[in-house]
Amino acid sequence: MPDMPSIEKSYSWIRLTASIALSALGCVGMWSLIVALPALQADFNAPRAEATLPYTLAIIGFMIGGIIVGRLADRFGILPPLTGGTILMSLGYVLTAFAPNLSVFATISGVTIGLGGAASFAPLVADASLWFDRHRGLAISLATAGGSLAGMIWPPIVQHAIAAHGWRQTHIGIGLFCLATMLPLCLVLRRRPVFHKVAHQAASCGNTMQAIGLSPGVTQGLLALAGMCCCVAMSMPQVHLVAYCGDLGYGSARGAEMLAVMLGFGVASRLIFGWVLNLIGGLPTLLLGSAMQAMALALYLPFNGLVSLYVVSAIFGLAQGGIVPSYAVIIRELFPAREAGFRVSLAISVTLAGMALGAWMAGAIYDWTGSYASALVNGIAWNIVNMAITAWLLQRQRRCAVGAFAAA
């Protein structure tokens, strides 16, 4: 077979940079609703579990919207659905500022902030994977870093704005700012990927039966279940850290700072795990990241001092950075490139379902027990299920590889 020309060009890196910036802006909904949780709970006089409902519905919107946008991107390119999603999300932030009660606020958040913001996450990761071959693992990992970068940048800004102007004015400001900054950035992504024929064919030959011994549907389903389990665990500190710090008497501002530290170290972790993904592949990296997350999550149980919580949050950020990009790499290793938009978006979007479920479960367990200790144990248990599924899939992949080598 003749040497295939690389699909990586200088434009690939320019496009990736724009994608990261768009994710950092468009994923604001994953973090602003967390920071606003105490203010919403007080304003609407709601228990903790009900106050997490806007976040839960927004994440469900992210999940559904990501799958829809991924399918549309496969057919029409990323630009049209990304532009539409940006407008919808920005409009949603303005509308939530006029919500008269928590139910209306939560509904608007799910239908607009969730569905609209979805275009800025999983579909952009899938799109980035189509422009790289030599550094695909690193590119995918960096593309997912936009969400963590949003978590590093937005919480302190939102916390300060809410304290100074209230959550309603803050939401109007977020909507207008995102509209003004994201629409021009979208234009950088107007090109559609064009591959040389031989490279396209080689990138489109994914066969799950040969690679892992399972049908495409079963493989995708198991990855979806694994993704949901790991993110139920991941959501507990990410969603409830601000409220937890308030309960401990440290204040919401300290919690927002810890969340920013966690996500900042998560961005650094993306760089490290991007290298690891290129070195050992998707499934081994997923198992490694999941094991590290379980250990980091357990550290929240014995440590609740102010300094120790900053340290544990940093460790948690470093530990979980390789999990989400691993799913995108696994999909690209096992499935055809022509299905990347839908399948990568589906795999990553289902992890958001785990975030939504985990956020609600942690709040419900807190309301029931009066502390977060049981919620942490619950998260660790879900994490162990993820590790079991990943280890089983990895075993099958290695068995198939040995069989293929023996047959050759």
Protein backbone atom coordinates (compact mmCIF):
# COMPACT_ATOMS: atom_id res chain seq x y z
CA MET A 1 0.00 0.00 0.00
CA PRO A 2 1.43 3.43 -0.89
CA ASP A 3 2.23 5.84 1.91
CA MET A 4 -0.90 7.74 2.86
CA PRO A 5 -0.55 11.53 2.95
CA SER A 6 -1.18 13.01 6.37
CA ILE A 7 -4.43 14.87 6.89
CA GLU A 8 -2.75 17.13 9.48
CA LYS A 9 -2.07 20.64 8.23
CA SER A 10 -1.40 23.97 9.91
CA TYR A 11 -5.11 24.68 9.52
CA SER A 12 -5.83 21.60 11.64
CA TRP A 13 -4.16 23.26 14.63
CA ILE A 14 -5.84 26.61 13.94
CA ARG A 15 -9.18 24.84 13.80
CA LEU A 16 -8.41 22.95 17.03
CA THR A 17 -7.54 26.21 18.79
CA ALA A 18 -10.86 27.74 17.70
CA SER A 19 -12.70 24.61 18.85
CA ILE A 20 -11.11 24.80 22.29
CA ALA A 21 -12.10 28.47 22.59
CA LEU A 22 -15.66 27.69 21.49
CA SER A 23 -15.92 24.89 24.05
CA ALA A 24 -14.53 27.11 26.80
CA LEU A 25 -17.28 29.64 26.02
CA GLY A 26 -20.14 27.33 25.07
CA CYS A 27 -19.73 24.96 28.01
CA VAL A 28 -20.54 27.76 30.45
CA GLY A 29 -23.86 26.03 31.17
CA MET A 30 -22.09 23.05 32.70
CA TRP A 31 -20.56 25.28 35.37
CA SER A 32 -22.62 28.45 35.82
CA LEU A 33 -25.60 26.46 37.07
CA ILE A 34 -23.36 24.76 39.65
CA VAL A 35 -22.09 28.07 40.99
CA ALA A 36 -25.60 29.52 41.00
CA LEU A 37 -27.01 26.54 42.94
CA PRO A 38 -26.89 28.15 46.42
CA ALA A 39 -28.42 31.40 45.10
CA LEU A 40 -31.17 29.51 43.28
CA GLN A 41 -31.89 27.40 46.36
CA ALA A 42 -32.25 30.52 48.50
CA ASP A 43 -34.23 32.54 45.92
CA PHE A 44 -36.72 29.79 45.17
CA ASN A 45 -36.72 28.32 48.71
CA ALA A 46 -36.01 24.80 47.44
CA PRO A 47 -34.32 21.74 49.00
CA ARG A 48 -30.87 20.74 47.72
CA ALA A 49 -32.06 17.95 45.42
CA GLU A 50 -34.64 20.23 43.72
CA ALA A 51 -32.09 23.01 43.37
CA THR A 52 -29.92 20.67 41.27
CA LEU A 53 -32.81 20.12 38.82
CA PRO A 54 -31.78 22.95 36.43
CA TYR A 55 -28.30 21.46 36.16
CA THR A 56 -29.71 17.96 35.69
CA LEU A 57 -32.07 19.05 32.90
CA ALA A 58 -29.33 21.14 31.25
CA ILE A 59 -27.02 18.11 31.21
CA ILE A 60 -29.81 15.97 29.75
CA GLY A 61 -30.18 18.68 27.10
CA PHE A 62 -26.43 18.51 26.49
CA MET A 63 -26.73 14.76 26.01
CA ILE A 64 -29.67 14.84 23.59
CA GLY A 65 -28.38 17.89 21.74
CA GLY A 66 -24.92 16.40 21.34
CA ILE A 67 -26.31 13.31 19.64
CA ILE A 68 -28.53 15.38 17.32
CA VAL A 69 -25.74 17.81 16.43
CA GLY A 70 -23.31 14.93 15.86
CA ARG A 71 -25.66 13.38 13.32
CA LEU A 72 -26.22 16.75 11.62
CA ALA A 73 -22.47 17.40 11.52
CA ASP A 74 -21.89 14.10 9.71
CA ARG A 75 -24.28 15.28 6.98
CA PHE A 76 -23.82 19.05 6.78
CA GLY A 77 -20.60 19.86 8.61
CA ILE A 78 -20.24 21.36 12.06
CA LEU A 79 -20.87 25.03 11.20
CA PRO A 80 -24.69 25.10 10.72
CA PRO A 81 -25.65 23.23 13.93
CA LEU A 82 -22.95 25.00 15.94
CA THR A 83 -24.22 28.42 14.89
CA GLY A 84 -27.82 27.49 15.66
CA GLY A 85 -26.85 26.04 19.03
CA THR A 86 -24.95 29.18 19.98
CA ILE A 87 -27.96 31.39 19.28
CA LEU A 88 -30.30 29.06 21.20
CA MET A 89 -28.01 28.89 24.24
CA SER A 90 -27.51 32.66 24.37
CA LEU A 91 -31.25 33.26 24.12
CA GLY A 92 -31.80 30.74 26.91
CA TYR A 93 -29.59 32.61 29.35
CA VAL A 94 -31.58 35.79 28.79
CA LEU A 95 -34.90 33.96 29.20
CA THR A 96 -33.89 32.24 32.47
CA ALA A 97 -33.32 35.67 34.02
CA PHE A 98 -37.10 36.22 33.92
CA ALA A 99 -38.11 32.79 35.30
CA PRO A 100 -40.76 33.18 38.04
CA ASN A 101 -40.07 29.85 39.75
CA LEU A 102 -37.61 26.94 39.82
CA SER A 103 -39.65 24.71 37.51
CA VAL A 104 -39.70 27.31 34.73
CA PHE A 105 -36.02 28.05 35.25
CA ALA A 106 -35.14 24.35 35.06
CA THR A 107 -37.24 23.77 31.92
CA ILE A 108 -35.73 26.71 30.08
CA SER A 109 -32.25 25.60 31.14
CA GLY A 110 -32.75 22.14 29.68
CA VAL A 111 -34.40 23.19 26.42
CA THR A 112 -32.11 26.13 25.59
CA ILE A 113 -28.87 26.16 27.59
CA GLY A 114 -28.58 22.37 27.43
CA LEU A 115 -29.64 21.71 23.85
CA GLY A 116 -27.91 24.82 22.51
CA GLY A 117 -24.68 24.42 24.43
CA ALA A 118 -24.40 20.78 23.37
CA ALA A 119 -22.96 21.80 20.00
CA SER A 120 -19.94 23.24 21.79
CA PHE A 121 -18.78 19.99 23.38
CA ALA A 122 -18.99 16.44 21.99
CA PRO A 123 -19.58 17.39 18.32
CA LEU A 124 -16.50 19.65 18.39
CA VAL A 125 -14.43 16.76 19.77
CA ALA A 126 -15.66 14.52 16.95
CA ASP A 127 -14.90 17.23 14.41
CA ALA A 128 -11.36 17.68 15.72
CA SER A 129 -10.68 13.95 15.35
CA LEU A 130 -11.29 14.22 11.58
CA TRP A 131 -8.42 16.67 11.04
CA PHE A 132 -5.61 14.67 12.69
CA ASP A 133 -3.91 11.30 12.22
CA ARG A 134 -0.35 11.57 13.62
CA HIS A 135 -1.43 13.34 16.82
CA ARG A 136 -5.06 12.28 17.03
CA GLY A 137 -4.98 11.25 20.69
CA LEU A 138 -3.45 14.56 21.72
CA ALA A 139 -5.85 16.54 19.51
CA ILE A 140 -8.90 14.78 20.94
CA SER A 141 -7.64 15.26 24.47
CA LEU A 142 -7.04 18.96 23.85
CA ALA A 143 -10.47 19.32 22.23
CA THR A 144 -12.11 17.98 25.39
CA ALA A 145 -10.02 20.41 27.46
CA GLY A 146 -12.36 23.22 26.42
CA GLY A 147 -14.97 21.95 28.86
CA SER A 148 -12.42 21.86 31.68
CA LEU A 149 -11.12 25.28 30.67
CA ALA A 150 -14.68 26.55 30.99
CA GLY A 151 -14.74 25.11 34.50
CA MET A 152 -11.53 26.91 35.35
CA ILE A 153 -12.56 30.29 33.94
CA TRP A 154 -16.30 30.61 34.49
CA PRO A 155 -16.92 29.70 38.19
CA PRO A 156 -14.97 32.62 39.75
CA ILE A 157 -16.42 35.06 37.22
CA VAL A 158 -19.98 33.84 37.75
CA GLN A 159 -19.55 33.74 41.53
CA HIS A 160 -18.31 37.34 41.60
CA ALA A 161 -21.05 38.52 39.26
CA ILE A 162 -23.79 36.84 41.29
CA ALA A 163 -22.45 38.37 44.50
CA ALA A 164 -22.29 41.82 42.90
CA HIS A 165 -25.36 41.88 40.66
CA GLY A 166 -27.52 38.81 41.42
CA TRP A 167 -27.96 35.66 39.36
CA ARG A 168 -30.59 37.15 37.02
CA GLN A 169 -28.40 40.00 35.75
CA THR A 170 -25.48 37.58 35.57
CA HIS A 171 -27.42 35.29 33.25
CA ILE A 172 -28.32 38.14 30.90
CA GLY A 173 -24.66 39.13 30.76
CA ILE A 174 -23.54 35.56 29.98
CA GLY A 175 -26.04 35.26 27.13
CA LEU A 176 -25.00 38.49 25.45
CA PHE A 177 -21.28 37.84 25.90
CA CYS A 178 -21.43 34.32 24.43
CA LEU A 179 -23.45 35.51 21.44
CA ALA A 180 -20.96 38.28 20.66
CA THR A 181 -17.84 36.12 20.98
CA MET A 182 -18.88 32.69 19.71
CA LEU A 183 -20.54 33.56 16.39
CA PRO A 184 -17.35 35.07 14.89
CA LEU A 185 -15.32 32.07 16.10
CA CYS A 186 -17.74 29.68 14.40
CA LEU A 187 -16.62 31.02 11.01
CA VAL A 188 -13.17 29.46 11.50
CA LEU A 189 -14.85 26.05 11.20
CA ARG A 190 -16.57 26.73 7.89
CA ARG A 191 -14.37 24.26 5.96
CA ARG A 192 -15.45 20.62 5.77
CA PRO A 193 -12.84 17.84 6.00
CA VAL A 194 -11.61 16.48 2.66
CA PHE A 195 -9.45 13.36 2.73
CA HIS A 196 -7.34 11.76 0.06
CA LYS A 197 -9.19 8.67 -1.08
CA VAL A 198 -6.70 6.12 0.24
CA ALA A 199 -6.45 7.90 3.58
CA HIS A 200 -10.21 8.15 3.84
CA GLN A 201 -10.65 4.47 3.17
CA ALA A 202 -8.02 3.53 5.71
CA ALA A 203 -9.61 5.78 8.32
CA SER A 204 -13.01 4.29 7.62
CA CYS A 205 -12.25 0.60 8.09
CA GLY A 206 -13.16 0.28 11.77
CA ASN A 207 -14.56 -3.18 12.47
CA THR A 208 -15.64 -3.94 16.02
CA MET A 209 -16.08 -7.66 15.34
CA GLN A 210 -12.43 -7.95 14.29
CA ALA A 211 -11.05 -5.56 16.92
CA ILE A 212 -13.02 -6.60 19.98
CA GLY A 213 -15.24 -9.54 19.01
CA LEU A 214 -18.52 -7.70 19.59
CA SER A 215 -21.14 -6.17 17.32
CA PRO A 216 -21.14 -2.37 16.85
CA GLY A 217 -24.36 -1.99 18.83
CA VAL A 218 -23.13 -4.03 21.80
CA THR A 219 -19.77 -2.27 21.80
CA GLN A 220 -21.38 1.18 21.74
CA GLY A 221 -23.83 0.13 24.45
CA LEU A 222 -21.12 -1.11 26.79
CA LEU A 223 -19.10 2.06 26.26
CA ALA A 224 -22.22 4.10 27.00
CA LEU A 225 -22.81 2.19 30.25
CA ALA A 226 -19.17 2.60 31.25
CA GLY A 227 -19.32 6.32 30.47
CA MET A 228 -22.44 6.81 32.53
CA CYS A 229 -20.95 4.98 35.53
CA CYS A 230 -17.68 6.92 35.60
CA CYS A 231 -19.46 10.25 35.33
CA VAL A 232 -21.92 9.47 38.12
CA ALA A 233 -18.77 9.31 40.23
CA MET A 234 -17.19 12.36 38.61
CA SER A 235 -20.24 14.56 39.18
CA MET A 236 -20.27 14.40 42.97
CA PRO A 237 -17.31 16.73 43.63
CA GLN A 238 -17.75 18.75 40.45
CA VAL A 239 -21.42 19.60 41.02
CA HIS A 240 -21.60 19.78 44.80
CA LEU A 241 -18.20 21.21 45.77
CA VAL A 242 -19.48 24.80 45.98
CA ALA A 243 -22.44 23.80 48.15
CA TYR A 244 -20.23 21.48 50.23
CA CYS A 245 -17.86 24.33 51.06
CA GLY A 246 -20.83 26.43 52.09
CA ASP A 247 -21.98 23.66 54.44
CA LEU A 248 -18.52 23.46 56.00
CA GLY A 249 -18.56 27.20 56.64
CA TYR A 250 -15.90 28.13 54.07
CA GLY A 251 -18.35 30.01 51.83
CA SER A 252 -19.41 29.63 48.21
CA ALA A 253 -16.52 31.78 46.98
CA ARG A 254 -13.97 29.27 48.32
CA GLY A 255 -15.94 26.47 46.68
CA ALA A 256 -15.90 28.26 43.32
CA GLU A 257 -12.13 28.70 43.67
CA MET A 258 -11.69 24.99 44.42
CA LEU A 259 -13.78 24.10 41.39
CA ALA A 260 -11.59 26.35 39.25
CA VAL A 261 -8.47 24.68 40.69
CA MET A 262 -9.93 21.24 39.95
CA LEU A 263 -10.76 22.09 36.36
CA GLY A 264 -7.49 23.97 35.87
CA PHE A 265 -5.54 20.86 36.82
CA GLY A 266 -7.94 18.96 34.56
CA VAL A 267 -6.71 21.05 31.63
CA ALA A 268 -3.10 20.16 32.49
CA SER A 269 -4.16 16.54 32.79
CA ARG A 270 -5.51 16.63 29.22
CA LEU A 271 -1.99 17.32 27.94
CA ILE A 272 -0.54 14.42 29.90
CA PHE A 273 -3.27 11.99 28.94
CA GLY A 274 -3.12 13.10 25.32
CA TRP A 275 0.42 11.76 25.23
CA VAL A 276 -0.68 8.59 27.07
CA LEU A 277 -3.51 8.03 24.57
CA ASN A 278 -1.07 8.20 21.66
CA LEU A 279 1.23 5.78 23.49
CA ILE A 280 -1.07 3.01 24.78
CA GLY A 281 -4.49 3.58 23.16
CA GLY A 282 -8.03 4.27 24.33
CA LEU A 283 -9.11 1.34 26.54
CA PRO A 284 -5.89 1.11 28.62
CA THR A 285 -5.99 4.88 29.18
CA LEU A 286 -9.65 4.71 30.22
CA LEU A 287 -8.89 1.99 32.78
CA LEU A 288 -5.94 3.97 34.14
CA GLY A 289 -7.93 7.20 34.41
CA SER A 290 -10.90 5.46 36.04
CA ALA A 291 -8.70 3.82 38.69
CA MET A 292 -7.03 7.15 39.44
CA GLN A 293 -10.42 8.87 39.74
CA ALA A 294 -11.67 6.27 42.24
CA MET A 295 -8.61 6.81 44.43
CA ALA A 296 -8.90 10.59 44.22
CA LEU A 297 -12.62 10.48 45.04
CA ALA A 298 -11.87 8.43 48.16
CA LEU A 299 -9.56 11.21 49.41
CA TYR A 300 -12.59 13.46 49.98
CA LEU A 301 -13.78 11.13 52.75
CA PRO A 302 -11.03 11.73 55.36
CA PHE A 303 -10.07 15.29 54.38
CA ASN A 304 -12.37 18.29 54.81
CA GLY A 305 -10.03 21.07 55.95
CA LEU A 306 -9.82 24.16 53.77
CA VAL A 307 -6.24 23.61 52.56
CA SER A 308 -6.68 19.86 52.21
CA LEU A 309 -9.80 20.35 50.07
CA TYR A 310 -7.83 22.57 47.68
CA VAL A 311 -5.16 19.84 47.44
CA VAL A 312 -7.65 16.99 46.99
CA SER A 313 -9.54 18.97 44.34
CA ALA A 314 -6.29 19.47 42.42
CA ILE A 315 -5.53 15.74 42.66
CA PHE A 316 -9.04 14.90 41.47
CA GLY A 317 -8.61 17.23 38.49
CA LEU A 318 -5.35 15.54 37.52
CA ALA A 319 -6.84 12.07 37.94
CA GLN A 320 -9.98 12.42 35.85
CA GLY A 321 -8.53 14.35 32.90
CA GLY A 322 -8.02 11.33 30.66
CA ILE A 323 -11.41 9.72 31.02
CA VAL A 324 -13.65 11.62 28.60
CA PRO A 325 -11.14 11.87 25.71
CA SER A 326 -10.55 8.12 26.02
CA TYR A 327 -14.08 7.40 24.81
CA ALA A 328 -13.56 9.48 21.66
CA VAL A 329 -10.26 7.71 20.92
CA ILE A 330 -11.86 4.29 21.50
CA ILE A 331 -14.65 5.14 19.05
CA ARG A 332 -12.14 6.25 16.40
CA GLU A 333 -10.17 3.02 16.95
CA LEU A 334 -13.21 0.76 16.58
CA PHE A 335 -15.66 2.51 14.21
CA PRO A 336 -15.50 4.04 10.69
CA ALA A 337 -14.52 7.70 10.34
CA ARG A 338 -17.72 8.44 8.39
CA GLU A 339 -19.69 7.70 11.61
CA ALA A 340 -17.44 9.75 13.87
CA GLY A 341 -19.78 12.70 14.41
CA PHE A 342 -22.67 10.57 15.60
CA ARG A 343 -20.77 7.87 17.49
CA VAL A 344 -18.27 10.13 19.28
CA SER A 345 -21.06 12.54 20.21
CA LEU A 346 -23.20 9.64 21.43
CA ALA A 347 -20.39 8.20 23.57
CA ILE A 348 -19.45 11.53 25.14
CA SER A 349 -23.04 12.74 25.48
CA VAL A 350 -24.00 9.65 27.47
CA THR A 351 -21.27 10.52 29.95
CA LEU A 352 -23.26 13.71 30.54
CA ALA A 353 -26.24 11.56 31.47
CA GLY A 354 -24.04 10.13 34.18
CA MET A 355 -23.22 13.66 35.32
CA ALA A 356 -26.92 14.50 35.49
CA LEU A 357 -27.83 11.31 37.34
CA GLY A 358 -24.91 11.63 39.72
CA ALA A 359 -25.71 15.26 40.51
CA TRP A 360 -29.29 14.38 41.42
CA MET A 361 -28.30 11.27 43.38
CA ALA A 362 -25.72 13.15 45.44
CA GLY A 363 -28.28 15.85 46.25
CA ALA A 364 -30.93 13.27 47.19
CA ILE A 365 -28.48 11.33 49.38
CA TYR A 366 -27.47 14.59 51.05
CA ASP A 367 -31.11 15.46 51.78
CA TRP A 368 -31.64 11.97 53.18
CA THR A 369 -28.48 11.66 55.32
CA GLY A 370 -27.51 15.28 55.98
CA SER A 371 -23.94 14.79 54.70
CA TYR A 372 -22.00 14.01 51.55
CA ALA A 373 -20.10 10.99 52.92
CA SER A 374 -22.64 8.46 51.64
CA ALA A 375 -22.77 10.27 48.28
CA LEU A 376 -19.01 9.84 47.94
CA VAL A 377 -19.25 6.12 48.69
CA ASN A 378 -22.04 5.84 46.12
CA GLY A 379 -19.81 7.53 43.53
CA ILE A 380 -16.92 5.17 44.25
CA ALA A 381 -19.23 2.16 43.75
CA TRP A 382 -20.31 3.42 40.31
CA ASN A 383 -16.65 4.02 39.46
CA ILE A 384 -15.83 0.39 40.24
CA VAL A 385 -18.52 -0.76 37.80
CA ASN A 386 -16.89 1.39 35.11
CA MET A 387 -13.52 -0.19 35.82
CA ALA A 388 -14.99 -3.70 35.56
CA ILE A 389 -16.57 -3.01 32.15
CA THR A 390 -13.41 -1.37 30.82
CA ALA A 391 -11.18 -4.21 32.03
CA TRP A 392 -13.46 -6.78 30.36
CA LEU A 393 -13.45 -4.90 27.04
CA LEU A 394 -9.67 -4.53 27.20
CA GLN A 395 -9.28 -8.25 27.80
CA ARG A 396 -11.42 -9.00 24.75
CA GLN A 397 -9.47 -6.54 22.61
CA ARG A 398 -6.16 -8.14 23.54
CA ARG A 399 -7.54 -11.63 22.96
CA CYS A 400 -8.72 -10.63 19.48
CA ALA A 401 -5.35 -9.06 18.74
CA VAL A 402 -3.54 -12.26 19.73
CA GLY A 403 -5.93 -14.32 17.60
CA ALA A 404 -5.42 -12.07 14.58
CA PHE A 405 -1.63 -12.28 14.99
CA ALA A 406 -1.74 -16.06 15.25
CA ALA A 407 -3.95 -16.30 12.14
CA ALA A 408 -1.53 -14.12 10.17
